[in-house]
Amino acid sequence: MHTSKIALTASALALLAAPVWAGAQAQAVTDLNLRAGPGPQYDIVGVIAAEGAVDLEGCIEESNWCKVSYEGADGWAYGEYLTGNVTQEYIPVVAKESPVQINTVTYEKTGENDAELGAVGGAITGGLIAGPAGVVAGAIAGAAAGEVAVPDEEVVTYVRSHATEPVYVQGEVVTGVMIPEEVELTPVPESDYRYVYLNGLPVLVEADSRTVIHVVR
């Protein structure tokens, strides 16, 4: 599988010698988009709730995207935010040197919504970065990942009614990730927030840390 940039905690590393997880289910560590294809340029067909269980068919070799089914809907989810249970500990299913064993699947392009990421308007090189605490690492440790208060409705309304040029980067939009420096953030008037339309969704960002604090759905 593709090497994840998210480091495992010491407790997870200790599991490397443990029996592997070979189950057919995984759990989302945060609200996670269910997409029509394996990439941020594909349409969002649903949202997997935090701690929601998905049926995991498998993941693309050398990719972080996995084919799943959630509440009767089939789609693709970003594997770094899906965890498998190994000896009562949850670890990412696509993490570096993970003891989790999963099937390999392929994606056959149909021509619909199959543009490469670099060909999508506003796309840039680079990817989303795990936040200071690490979304997945925090979940492994039992901490809440990226939870913040919902912003005022006036802020949300402004962001929805003032769309910016869309930007697409590698990875998936969840609270707690950091926006690359190459991405321009737009101020929200009379607010400490910044925002950007990222991977098909408007997101609110903490200006100093460039951390996503709320995904507007």
Protein backbone atom coordinates (compact mmCIF):
# COMPACT_ATOMS: atom_id res chain seq x y z
CA MET A 1 0.00 0.00 0.00
CA HIS A 2 0.99 3.63 -0.38
CA THR A 3 3.20 4.98 2.41
CA SER A 4 1.27 7.30 4.69
CA LYS A 5 2.86 10.52 5.94
CA ILE A 6 1.10 10.15 9.28
CA ALA A 7 3.36 8.66 11.94
CA LEU A 8 2.06 5.88 14.12
CA THR A 9 2.06 6.30 17.87
CA ALA A 10 4.27 4.08 20.01
CA SER A 11 1.28 1.98 21.01
CA ALA A 12 0.35 1.41 17.37
CA LEU A 13 3.94 0.51 16.47
CA ALA A 14 3.86 -2.08 19.20
CA LEU A 15 1.04 -3.78 17.35
CA LEU A 16 3.23 -4.59 14.36
CA ALA A 17 3.93 -8.01 15.83
CA ALA A 18 0.29 -8.55 16.74
CA PRO A 19 -2.20 -10.62 14.73
CA VAL A 20 -3.41 -8.78 11.66
CA TRP A 21 -6.87 -7.33 11.23
CA ALA A 22 -8.56 -8.92 8.24
CA GLY A 23 -12.12 -7.82 8.83
CA ALA A 24 -14.55 -6.48 6.27
CA GLN A 25 -15.40 -3.34 8.22
CA ALA A 26 -13.56 -0.14 9.09
CA GLN A 27 -14.44 2.94 11.14
CA ALA A 28 -14.19 6.63 10.20
CA VAL A 29 -12.28 8.73 12.73
CA THR A 30 -14.03 11.95 11.65
CA ASP A 31 -16.87 13.05 9.35
CA LEU A 32 -15.59 11.80 6.01
CA ASN A 33 -16.76 12.38 2.45
CA LEU A 34 -18.04 9.45 0.44
CA ARG A 35 -17.11 10.18 -3.18
CA ALA A 36 -18.10 8.80 -6.57
CA GLY A 37 -14.47 7.99 -7.40
CA PRO A 38 -11.02 7.69 -5.81
CA GLY A 39 -9.96 11.32 -5.66
CA PRO A 40 -10.93 14.80 -4.40
CA GLN A 41 -12.11 15.82 -7.88
CA TYR A 42 -15.02 13.35 -7.76
CA ASP A 43 -18.55 14.27 -6.65
CA ILE A 44 -19.48 13.83 -3.00
CA VAL A 45 -22.30 11.28 -2.81
CA GLY A 46 -22.61 11.16 0.98
CA VAL A 47 -20.90 11.76 4.31
CA ILE A 48 -19.68 9.00 6.62
CA ALA A 49 -20.32 10.07 10.20
CA ALA A 50 -17.48 10.15 12.73
CA GLU A 51 -17.11 6.66 14.21
CA GLY A 52 -19.39 5.38 11.46
CA ALA A 53 -18.73 1.80 10.32
CA VAL A 54 -18.24 1.07 6.63
CA ASP A 55 -18.02 -2.18 4.71
CA LEU A 56 -14.53 -2.14 3.22
CA GLU A 57 -14.13 -3.86 -0.13
CA GLY A 58 -10.49 -2.85 -0.51
CA CYS A 59 -8.08 -0.07 -1.40
CA ILE A 60 -6.24 0.87 -4.59
CA GLU A 61 -2.64 -0.29 -4.58
CA GLU A 62 -0.22 2.64 -4.18
CA SER A 63 -3.14 4.92 -3.26
CA ASN A 64 -4.90 6.08 -0.10
CA TRP A 65 -8.40 5.68 -1.57
CA CYS A 66 -10.60 2.77 -0.56
CA LYS A 67 -13.84 1.38 -1.98
CA VAL A 68 -16.51 1.23 0.73
CA SER A 69 -20.21 0.93 1.36
CA TYR A 70 -21.96 3.06 4.00
CA GLU A 71 -25.64 2.79 4.91
CA GLY A 72 -26.45 1.23 1.55
CA ALA A 73 -24.45 3.72 -0.55
CA ASP A 74 -21.33 2.65 -2.45
CA GLY A 75 -18.40 4.98 -3.01
CA TRP A 76 -14.79 5.84 -2.23
CA ALA A 77 -13.29 7.19 1.00
CA TYR A 78 -9.82 8.42 1.94
CA GLY A 79 -8.13 5.52 3.73
CA GLU A 80 -5.99 7.60 6.10
CA TYR A 81 -9.19 8.42 8.00
CA LEU A 82 -10.47 4.85 8.09
CA THR A 83 -9.26 2.63 10.91
CA GLY A 84 -9.24 -1.10 11.53
CA ASN A 85 -9.44 -2.80 14.91
CA VAL A 86 -6.26 -4.71 15.79
CA THR A 87 -6.29 -6.32 19.24
CA GLN A 88 -8.75 -3.66 20.45
CA GLU A 89 -6.64 -0.79 19.09
CA TYR A 90 -7.66 1.23 16.02
CA ILE A 91 -5.01 2.12 13.46
CA PRO A 92 -5.26 3.60 9.93
CA VAL A 93 -5.88 0.93 7.28
CA VAL A 94 -3.31 2.45 4.90
CA ALA A 95 -0.67 3.62 7.40
CA LYS A 96 3.05 2.95 6.95
CA GLU A 97 3.96 -0.61 7.95
CA SER A 98 0.41 -1.14 9.16
CA PRO A 99 -0.43 -4.69 10.29
CA VAL A 100 -3.88 -4.18 8.79
CA GLN A 101 -4.32 -6.42 5.76
CA ILE A 102 -6.82 -5.31 3.13
CA ASN A 103 -7.80 -6.36 -0.35
CA THR A 104 -6.51 -4.54 -3.41
CA VAL A 105 -9.14 -3.12 -5.76
CA THR A 106 -9.01 -1.19 -9.03
CA TYR A 107 -11.06 1.67 -10.42
CA GLU A 108 -12.25 1.55 -14.01
CA LYS A 109 -12.79 4.98 -15.51
CA THR A 110 -16.12 5.54 -17.20
CA GLY A 111 -15.34 8.94 -18.71
CA GLU A 112 -17.81 10.74 -16.40
CA ASN A 113 -16.07 12.92 -13.80
CA ASP A 114 -12.81 11.14 -14.55
CA ALA A 115 -10.56 14.18 -15.10
CA GLU A 116 -7.14 13.85 -13.55
CA LEU A 117 -6.56 16.05 -10.50
CA GLY A 118 -4.10 18.27 -12.36
CA ALA A 119 -6.68 18.93 -15.09
CA VAL A 120 -9.38 20.18 -12.72
CA GLY A 121 -9.81 23.96 -12.67
CA GLY A 122 -7.87 25.55 -9.83
CA ALA A 123 -5.87 22.42 -9.05
CA ILE A 124 -2.41 22.85 -7.52
CA THR A 125 0.50 20.62 -6.69
CA GLY A 126 0.76 19.49 -3.10
CA GLY A 127 -1.49 18.02 -0.48
CA LEU A 128 -3.28 18.59 2.79
CA ILE A 129 -1.15 18.23 5.90
CA ALA A 130 -2.10 16.56 9.17
CA GLY A 131 -2.71 19.17 11.86
CA PRO A 132 -0.41 19.73 14.85
CA ALA A 133 -2.13 17.04 16.92
CA GLY A 134 -2.65 14.82 13.88
CA VAL A 135 -6.23 13.91 13.05
CA VAL A 136 -5.57 10.18 12.95
CA ALA A 137 -2.92 10.12 15.68
CA GLY A 138 -5.36 11.91 17.97
CA ALA A 139 -8.04 9.38 17.21
CA ILE A 140 -5.67 6.52 17.96
CA ALA A 141 -4.90 8.08 21.33
CA GLY A 142 -8.62 8.35 22.05
CA ALA A 143 -8.77 12.13 21.65
CA ALA A 144 -11.42 14.01 19.69
CA ALA A 145 -10.09 14.97 16.27
CA GLY A 146 -10.57 18.54 15.12
CA GLU A 147 -13.75 19.29 17.06
CA VAL A 148 -14.68 22.97 17.25
CA ALA A 149 -17.82 24.99 17.83
CA VAL A 150 -19.99 25.56 14.79
CA PRO A 151 -19.44 29.16 13.57
CA ASP A 152 -22.19 31.78 13.55
CA GLU A 153 -24.78 31.34 10.84
CA GLU A 154 -23.84 34.77 9.44
CA VAL A 155 -20.33 33.49 8.75
CA VAL A 156 -21.62 30.33 7.08
CA THR A 157 -24.10 32.33 4.98
CA TYR A 158 -21.36 34.70 3.84
CA VAL A 159 -19.07 31.87 2.79
CA ARG A 160 -21.85 30.11 0.91
CA SER A 161 -22.86 33.27 -0.95
CA HIS A 162 -19.31 34.42 -1.81
CA ALA A 163 -17.78 31.49 -3.63
CA THR A 164 -14.10 31.70 -4.54
CA GLU A 165 -12.13 30.00 -7.30
CA PRO A 166 -12.14 26.28 -6.45
CA VAL A 167 -8.88 24.64 -5.41
CA TYR A 168 -8.12 20.93 -5.51
CA VAL A 169 -5.25 19.28 -3.67
CA GLN A 170 -4.26 15.74 -2.82
CA GLY A 171 -5.97 14.35 0.27
CA GLU A 172 -9.42 14.80 1.78
CA VAL A 173 -11.10 17.72 3.54
CA VAL A 174 -11.63 17.10 7.26
CA THR A 175 -11.39 19.30 10.33
CA GLY A 176 -7.88 19.42 11.76
CA VAL A 177 -5.85 19.33 8.55
CA MET A 178 -3.60 22.22 7.52
CA ILE A 179 -3.94 24.07 4.21
CA PRO A 180 -0.74 24.29 2.11
CA GLU A 181 0.90 27.70 1.88
CA GLU A 182 0.28 27.78 -1.89
CA VAL A 183 -3.47 28.04 -1.32
CA GLU A 184 -4.81 31.58 -1.03
CA LEU A 185 -7.23 32.14 1.84
CA THR A 186 -10.01 34.75 1.70
CA PRO A 187 -10.95 36.81 4.81
CA VAL A 188 -14.46 36.75 6.23
CA PRO A 189 -15.45 40.37 7.06
CA GLU A 190 -15.59 41.24 10.77
CA SER A 191 -14.33 37.79 11.65
CA ASP A 192 -11.09 36.02 12.53
CA TYR A 193 -11.89 33.32 9.98
CA ARG A 194 -10.48 32.75 6.53
CA TYR A 195 -12.06 30.46 3.96
CA VAL A 196 -11.42 28.64 0.69
CA TYR A 197 -13.44 26.39 -1.63
CA LEU A 198 -11.33 23.26 -1.33
CA ASN A 199 -11.86 19.88 -3.00
CA GLY A 200 -15.47 20.72 -3.75
CA LEU A 201 -16.43 22.16 -0.36
CA PRO A 202 -16.15 25.57 1.35
CA VAL A 203 -14.04 25.33 4.50
CA LEU A 204 -13.36 27.76 7.34
CA VAL A 205 -9.73 28.13 8.32
CA GLU A 206 -7.90 29.47 11.39
CA ALA A 207 -5.69 32.16 9.84
CA ASP A 208 -2.45 31.76 11.82
CA SER A 209 -2.19 27.99 11.78
CA ARG A 210 -4.01 27.52 8.43
CA THR A 211 -5.96 24.71 10.10
CA VAL A 212 -9.42 23.71 8.86
CA ILE A 213 -11.82 24.29 11.76
CA HIS A 214 -15.16 23.75 10.01
CA VAL A 215 -16.35 22.13 6.78
CA VAL A 216 -19.45 23.87 5.40
CA ARG A 217 -21.82 21.19 4.09
